[in-house]
Amino acid sequence: MWVLVFVLLVLTSGCIAQDNQSPRPQKILNINPITHASVMFNYGGVVVYVDPAGYQGAADFSKMFRADIILITHHHFDHFDPKAINYLLKEDTVIIGPETIQERVTYARVLRNGESLEIDEVKIKAVPAYNLKQRIGVEYHPRGRDNGYVINFGSTRVYMAGDTECVPETKALMGIDVAFLPIDGVDTMTPEEAAACVEAFTPKVVYPYHQGSSSPVYFASLLKDKGVEVRIMELP
């Protein structure tokens, strides 16, 4: 069974009325963690998924909102699920990811580390996601192949780490309002490494995801009194 949780975050993109003009409607960003590494955002009706995958049967994407934008961080099965993607498609859905996903989704738009684009007032930048060290027996995430994403929903900046360690490019991020960081420690970050990473780039809100057997409650305890809001969810 899967549970879709709606989290109301902030009001963005408002503007002050001038003379007799009506104010521009404010857009609300809803954050919806789904499972493991899958997250849905709804920004004033623009629906954005990151890594939709029916991980171990924990999510049924056939019953979810259709996507305007789908972002894929890399090609591993727990992040890239063509069956889930097919459920979310409509005529004008834009799929974005690294080159490795084009082998199975040929119409996907490639975005490489450092490249940016804007769709429906959503600004997307691909940022590096990789391992600093190779661990024997585990499939490796080499530098330059996979993506994390910094997504600007109006004035709200969201960082989706994907599978990465706390690399220098992550530590150098600035102005991040919401960060999703992996804590399972399997070619990503341990809870201790993720907490230290949070202290390095100081997002306002953190969701520990890609949890594996690691405890999000323990992760939150490491950031107690650090001035960061940790939103704890048990994600299968």
Protein backbone atom coordinates (compact mmCIF):
# COMPACT_ATOMS: atom_id res chain seq x y z
CA MET A 1 0.00 0.00 0.00
CA TRP A 2 1.24 3.47 -0.77
CA VAL A 3 0.36 6.78 0.82
CA LEU A 4 0.61 10.13 -0.94
CA VAL A 5 1.17 12.95 1.51
CA PHE A 6 0.51 16.57 0.57
CA VAL A 7 2.69 19.16 2.27
CA LEU A 8 1.86 22.84 1.81
CA LEU A 9 5.10 24.78 1.77
CA VAL A 10 5.11 28.43 0.79
CA LEU A 11 3.47 31.13 -1.29
CA THR A 12 5.65 32.19 -4.20
CA SER A 13 5.61 34.42 -7.26
CA GLY A 14 3.35 37.10 -5.81
CA CYS A 15 3.64 40.67 -7.02
CA ILE A 16 2.32 44.00 -5.79
CA ALA A 17 -0.53 45.62 -7.74
CA GLN A 18 0.35 48.90 -9.43
CA ASP A 19 -2.25 51.59 -10.18
CA ASN A 20 -5.51 49.86 -11.20
CA GLN A 21 -3.92 46.54 -12.14
CA SER A 22 -5.07 43.40 -10.37
CA PRO A 23 -2.40 41.60 -8.37
CA ARG A 24 -0.82 38.63 -10.08
CA PRO A 25 -2.21 35.47 -8.47
CA GLN A 26 0.15 33.83 -6.04
CA LYS A 27 1.16 30.25 -6.75
CA ILE A 28 1.29 27.66 -4.03
CA LEU A 29 3.91 24.91 -4.01
CA ASN A 30 2.76 21.55 -2.70
CA ILE A 31 5.44 18.94 -1.95
CA ASN A 32 4.35 15.31 -2.14
CA PRO A 33 6.91 12.63 -1.21
CA ILE A 34 5.65 9.35 -2.65
CA THR A 35 8.14 6.55 -1.99
CA HIS A 36 11.87 5.97 -1.60
CA ALA A 37 13.27 8.47 -4.15
CA SER A 38 10.05 9.59 -5.84
CA VAL A 39 8.59 13.04 -5.23
CA MET A 40 5.78 15.03 -6.86
CA PHE A 41 5.51 18.82 -6.82
CA ASN A 42 2.40 20.79 -7.74
CA TYR A 43 3.20 24.42 -8.44
CA GLY A 44 0.00 26.29 -9.16
CA GLY A 45 -1.25 23.40 -11.29
CA VAL A 46 2.09 22.57 -12.94
CA VAL A 47 2.82 18.98 -11.93
CA VAL A 48 6.46 17.96 -11.69
CA TYR A 49 7.71 14.48 -10.77
CA VAL A 50 11.27 13.60 -9.85
CA ASP A 51 12.26 9.93 -10.30
CA PRO A 52 8.77 8.38 -10.38
CA ALA A 53 9.31 4.67 -9.75
CA GLY A 54 7.01 2.00 -8.36
CA TYR A 55 9.75 0.87 -5.99
CA GLN A 56 8.98 -2.66 -4.73
CA GLY A 57 5.30 -2.10 -5.49
CA ALA A 58 5.05 0.76 -2.98
CA ALA A 59 3.34 3.20 -5.36
CA ASP A 60 0.63 2.96 -8.02
CA PHE A 61 1.29 5.74 -10.52
CA SER A 62 -1.75 4.82 -12.61
CA LYS A 63 -3.89 6.62 -10.02
CA MET A 64 -1.83 9.80 -9.79
CA PHE A 65 -1.98 13.20 -11.51
CA ARG A 66 -0.58 13.31 -15.03
CA ALA A 67 2.76 15.07 -15.37
CA ASP A 68 3.73 18.31 -17.03
CA ILE A 69 7.42 17.65 -16.32
CA ILE A 70 9.26 14.47 -15.32
CA LEU A 71 12.86 14.74 -14.11
CA ILE A 72 15.04 11.64 -13.94
CA THR A 73 18.33 11.73 -12.02
CA HIS A 74 19.79 8.49 -13.43
CA HIS A 75 18.97 5.12 -14.90
CA HIS A 76 18.94 2.82 -11.85
CA PHE A 77 15.65 0.96 -11.37
CA ASP A 78 14.68 2.70 -8.13
CA HIS A 79 14.84 6.09 -9.89
CA PHE A 80 13.92 5.28 -13.49
CA ASP A 81 10.79 3.24 -14.15
CA PRO A 82 9.43 3.46 -17.73
CA LYS A 83 6.18 1.76 -16.69
CA ALA A 84 5.50 4.41 -14.04
CA ILE A 85 6.44 7.13 -16.53
CA ASN A 86 3.94 5.78 -19.07
CA TYR A 87 1.12 6.11 -16.54
CA LEU A 88 1.98 9.78 -16.01
CA LEU A 89 2.26 10.86 -19.62
CA LYS A 90 -0.03 13.25 -21.45
CA GLU A 91 0.44 14.73 -24.91
CA ASP A 92 2.77 17.53 -23.84
CA THR A 93 4.67 15.95 -20.95
CA VAL A 94 8.37 16.85 -21.02
CA ILE A 95 10.81 14.21 -19.77
CA ILE A 96 14.27 15.42 -18.79
CA GLY A 97 17.31 13.45 -17.70
CA PRO A 98 20.89 12.43 -18.42
CA GLU A 99 21.92 10.65 -21.60
CA THR A 100 21.64 7.18 -20.03
CA ILE A 101 17.84 7.28 -19.96
CA GLN A 102 17.56 7.87 -23.71
CA GLU A 103 18.37 4.21 -24.29
CA ARG A 104 14.83 3.36 -23.08
CA VAL A 105 13.00 6.68 -23.50
CA THR A 106 14.32 7.96 -26.81
CA TYR A 107 12.20 11.14 -26.78
CA ALA A 108 13.57 12.35 -23.45
CA ARG A 109 15.34 15.69 -23.42
CA VAL A 110 18.95 15.47 -22.25
CA LEU A 111 20.18 17.87 -19.60
CA ARG A 112 23.81 17.60 -18.58
CA ASN A 113 25.52 18.78 -15.41
CA GLY A 114 25.53 22.58 -15.39
CA GLU A 115 22.83 22.99 -18.04
CA SER A 116 19.54 24.79 -17.35
CA LEU A 117 16.12 25.28 -18.91
CA GLU A 118 12.74 26.77 -18.03
CA ILE A 119 9.32 25.21 -18.62
CA ASP A 120 5.99 26.63 -17.43
CA GLU A 121 7.74 29.12 -15.13
CA VAL A 122 9.71 26.28 -13.52
CA LYS A 123 13.48 26.76 -13.78
CA ILE A 124 15.55 23.58 -13.74
CA LYS A 125 19.31 23.22 -13.42
CA ALA A 126 21.13 19.89 -13.56
CA VAL A 127 23.86 19.65 -10.93
CA PRO A 128 26.49 16.94 -10.34
CA ALA A 129 25.59 13.76 -8.45
CA TYR A 130 28.39 11.25 -7.98
CA ASN A 131 30.54 9.19 -5.64
CA LEU A 132 33.80 10.46 -4.23
CA LYS A 133 34.97 6.89 -3.69
CA GLN A 134 34.11 3.61 -5.38
CA ARG A 135 32.74 0.91 -3.14
CA ILE A 136 33.45 -2.66 -4.18
CA GLY A 137 30.38 -4.69 -5.07
CA VAL A 138 28.03 -1.73 -5.51
CA GLU A 139 27.19 -0.13 -8.85
CA TYR A 140 29.09 3.11 -9.02
CA HIS A 141 27.88 6.64 -9.77
CA PRO A 142 30.74 8.22 -11.75
CA ARG A 143 31.21 11.95 -11.96
CA GLY A 144 29.48 13.61 -14.91
CA ARG A 145 27.00 10.83 -15.72
CA ASP A 146 24.08 11.44 -13.37
CA ASN A 147 22.11 14.49 -12.30
CA GLY A 148 20.85 16.13 -9.18
CA TYR A 149 18.53 19.09 -9.75
CA VAL A 150 18.03 22.58 -8.40
CA ILE A 151 14.46 23.55 -9.24
CA ASN A 152 13.16 27.11 -8.89
CA PHE A 153 9.43 27.23 -8.28
CA GLY A 154 9.09 31.00 -8.33
CA SER A 155 11.31 32.22 -5.51
CA THR A 156 11.48 28.81 -3.81
CA ARG A 157 14.63 26.80 -4.56
CA VAL A 158 14.44 23.03 -4.18
CA TYR A 159 17.44 20.69 -4.33
CA MET A 160 16.90 17.06 -5.36
CA ALA A 161 20.14 15.27 -4.66
CA GLY A 162 19.53 11.94 -6.38
CA ASP A 163 22.25 9.37 -5.66
CA THR A 164 25.28 11.29 -4.51
CA GLU A 165 27.71 11.76 -1.70
CA CYS A 166 28.27 15.22 -0.25
CA VAL A 167 30.40 16.39 -3.14
CA PRO A 168 31.98 19.88 -3.33
CA GLU A 169 29.27 21.05 -5.75
CA THR A 170 26.61 20.21 -3.17
CA LYS A 171 28.45 22.00 -0.38
CA ALA A 172 28.68 25.08 -2.61
CA LEU A 173 24.91 25.37 -3.19
CA MET A 174 23.41 28.66 -2.04
CA GLY A 175 19.90 29.85 -1.22
CA ILE A 176 18.30 26.41 -1.02
CA ASP A 177 14.91 26.49 0.68
CA VAL A 178 14.13 22.76 0.54
CA ALA A 179 16.56 19.86 0.12
CA PHE A 180 15.94 16.16 -0.40
CA LEU A 181 19.03 14.23 0.71
CA PRO A 182 19.60 10.46 0.57
CA ILE A 183 20.55 8.85 3.89
CA ASP A 184 20.77 5.11 3.18
CA GLY A 185 24.56 5.10 2.90
CA VAL A 186 24.60 2.72 -0.07
CA ASP A 187 26.64 4.72 -2.56
CA THR A 188 24.99 7.84 -1.20
CA MET A 189 25.36 9.37 2.29
CA THR A 190 25.06 7.88 5.73
CA PRO A 191 22.85 9.86 8.13
CA GLU A 192 25.99 11.35 9.66
CA GLU A 193 27.36 12.38 6.27
CA ALA A 194 24.01 13.85 5.22
CA ALA A 195 23.74 15.86 8.45
CA ALA A 196 27.23 17.27 7.94
CA CYS A 197 26.28 18.12 4.37
CA VAL A 198 23.22 20.04 5.58
CA GLU A 199 25.43 22.10 7.87
CA ALA A 200 27.68 22.89 4.90
CA PHE A 201 25.05 24.37 2.55
CA THR A 202 22.35 25.28 5.13
CA PRO A 203 18.97 24.65 3.47
CA LYS A 204 15.95 25.86 5.42
CA VAL A 205 14.02 22.57 5.23
CA VAL A 206 15.35 19.04 4.73
CA TYR A 207 13.57 15.84 3.80
CA PRO A 208 15.66 12.71 4.37
CA TYR A 209 14.74 10.33 1.55
CA HIS A 210 16.26 7.26 -0.14
CA GLN A 211 16.23 5.95 3.41
CA GLY A 212 16.89 2.23 3.10
CA SER A 213 17.42 0.86 6.61
CA SER A 214 18.57 4.22 7.99
CA SER A 215 16.35 6.03 10.46
CA PRO A 216 15.04 9.48 9.49
CA VAL A 217 14.40 10.10 13.19
CA TYR A 218 18.08 9.49 13.94
CA PHE A 219 19.05 11.79 11.08
CA ALA A 220 16.83 14.52 12.53
CA SER A 221 18.46 14.10 15.94
CA LEU A 222 21.83 14.92 14.41
CA LEU A 223 20.48 18.32 13.34
CA LYS A 224 18.75 19.22 16.57
CA ASP A 225 19.27 22.89 17.46
CA LYS A 226 21.03 23.52 14.12
CA GLY A 227 18.38 25.90 12.83
CA VAL A 228 17.17 23.51 10.11
CA GLU A 229 13.64 22.09 9.89
CA VAL A 230 13.74 18.34 9.27
CA ARG A 231 10.51 16.86 7.90
CA ILE A 232 10.39 13.22 8.85
CA MET A 233 8.54 10.70 6.71
CA GLU A 234 8.92 6.94 6.63
CA LEU A 235 9.38 6.28 2.93
CA PRO A 236 9.30 2.63 1.75
